[in-house]
Protein backbone atom coordinates (compact mmCIF):
# COMPACT_ATOMS: atom_id res chain seq x y z
CA MET A 1 -51.57 12.04 -94.45
CA LEU A 2 -52.91 8.59 -95.27
CA LYS A 3 -56.25 8.37 -97.03
CA ASN A 4 -59.00 6.54 -95.18
CA PRO A 5 -59.84 3.48 -97.34
CA PHE A 6 -63.49 3.79 -96.28
CA ASP A 7 -63.97 7.41 -97.43
CA ASN A 8 -66.35 6.57 -100.27
CA ILE A 9 -68.37 3.95 -98.39
CA ASN A 10 -71.96 4.47 -97.23
CA ILE A 11 -71.61 2.45 -94.05
CA ASN A 12 -75.23 3.08 -93.06
CA GLU A 13 -76.45 1.37 -96.23
CA ILE A 14 -74.33 -1.71 -95.52
CA LEU A 15 -75.43 -1.85 -91.88
CA ALA A 16 -79.10 -1.51 -92.88
CA GLU A 17 -78.76 -4.42 -95.30
CA TYR A 18 -76.89 -6.52 -92.73
CA ASN A 19 -79.38 -5.80 -89.95
CA LYS A 20 -82.39 -6.42 -92.20
CA PHE A 21 -81.58 -10.12 -92.28
CA ARG A 22 -79.92 -10.69 -88.90
CA SER A 23 -81.78 -8.56 -86.40
CA PRO A 24 -83.10 -9.20 -83.74
CA GLU A 25 -80.61 -12.08 -83.14
CA VAL A 26 -77.74 -9.69 -83.85
CA THR A 27 -77.64 -5.99 -84.68
CA ALA A 28 -74.51 -4.27 -85.99
CA LYS A 29 -73.76 -0.62 -85.20
CA PHE A 30 -71.04 1.66 -86.53
CA LEU A 31 -68.67 2.97 -83.87
CA ARG A 32 -65.82 4.64 -85.75
CA PHE A 33 -63.09 4.55 -88.33
CA LYS A 34 -59.70 4.36 -86.62
CA ASP A 35 -56.28 4.18 -88.25
CA GLY A 36 -57.71 2.96 -91.54
CA LYS A 37 -59.84 0.31 -89.82
CA LEU A 38 -63.58 -0.08 -89.38
CA VAL A 39 -64.88 -0.62 -85.83
CA LEU A 40 -68.36 -2.07 -85.32
CA GLU A 41 -70.36 -3.19 -82.33
CA PHE A 42 -72.49 -6.33 -82.56
CA GLU A 43 -75.21 -6.90 -79.98
CA GLY A 44 -77.77 -9.64 -79.57
CA THR A 45 -78.49 -13.18 -78.50
CA PHE A 46 -76.10 -14.70 -81.10
CA CYS A 47 -77.65 -18.04 -82.07
CA ASN A 48 -74.66 -20.20 -81.18
CA THR A 49 -75.83 -23.16 -83.24
CA CYS A 50 -75.58 -20.93 -86.34
CA GLY A 51 -71.88 -20.33 -85.76
CA PHE A 52 -70.86 -17.47 -83.51
CA HIS A 53 -68.18 -16.00 -85.81
CA ASP A 54 -70.48 -16.27 -88.83
CA TYR A 55 -72.24 -13.09 -87.69
CA PHE A 56 -68.98 -11.14 -87.94
CA GLU A 57 -67.96 -12.77 -91.22
CA ASP A 58 -71.39 -12.07 -92.76
CA PHE A 59 -70.59 -8.36 -92.58
CA ILE A 60 -67.54 -9.04 -94.77
CA TYR A 61 -69.82 -10.53 -97.44
CA GLU A 62 -72.20 -7.56 -97.31
CA MET A 63 -69.30 -5.13 -97.72
CA LYS A 64 -67.95 -7.09 -100.67
CA ARG A 65 -71.38 -7.45 -102.30
CA LEU A 66 -72.32 -3.79 -101.98
CA ASN A 67 -68.92 -2.09 -102.36
CA LYS A 68 -66.49 -4.64 -103.81
CA ILE A 69 -64.19 -4.16 -100.81
CA GLU A 70 -62.60 -7.25 -99.27
CA LEU A 71 -62.37 -7.07 -95.47
CA LYS A 72 -60.82 -9.27 -92.83
CA VAL A 73 -61.46 -9.49 -89.09
CA ASP A 74 -58.50 -8.14 -87.12
CA ASP A 75 -59.88 -8.43 -83.62
CA ILE A 76 -62.99 -9.42 -81.64
CA LYS A 77 -63.47 -8.30 -78.05
CA GLU A 78 -66.38 -8.86 -75.73
CA SER A 79 -67.37 -5.43 -74.41
CA ASP A 80 -70.39 -6.43 -72.31
CA PHE A 81 -72.92 -9.22 -72.01
CA GLN A 82 -73.91 -10.18 -75.57
CA LYS A 83 -71.93 -7.23 -77.03
CA PHE A 84 -68.80 -7.51 -79.11
CA ILE A 85 -66.49 -4.96 -80.69
CA VAL A 86 -65.12 -6.14 -84.04
CA ILE A 87 -62.28 -4.43 -85.89
CA TYR A 88 -62.07 -4.90 -89.65
CA SER A 89 -59.33 -3.93 -92.08
CA ILE A 90 -58.95 -4.15 -95.84
CA SER A 91 -57.73 -7.60 -96.80
CA ASP A 92 -54.39 -7.87 -98.58
CA SER A 93 -55.54 -10.80 -100.68
CA PRO A 94 -58.95 -11.41 -102.19
CA SER A 95 -60.84 -14.54 -101.17
CA PRO A 96 -61.47 -17.22 -103.78
């Protein structure tokens, strides 16, 4: 059985830190770990002038800062009005 790469991660701590600086424009919520991937839901008004995808990429920086784990976005799907499901996986190559 494959080990979940997120086993030793306190996801609530990372989400609290992320949401502290981005809510109420956007709030991230943990949905599940699935097949070695992290699935989050982002909900909010998403200030489009700030860069829509920046909200999803900012979570990558919080994960790296707090846990030294490099993530990448695998998929983004709109699930409802102003709600998006984002799937992250461990990056194969570290960013510069």
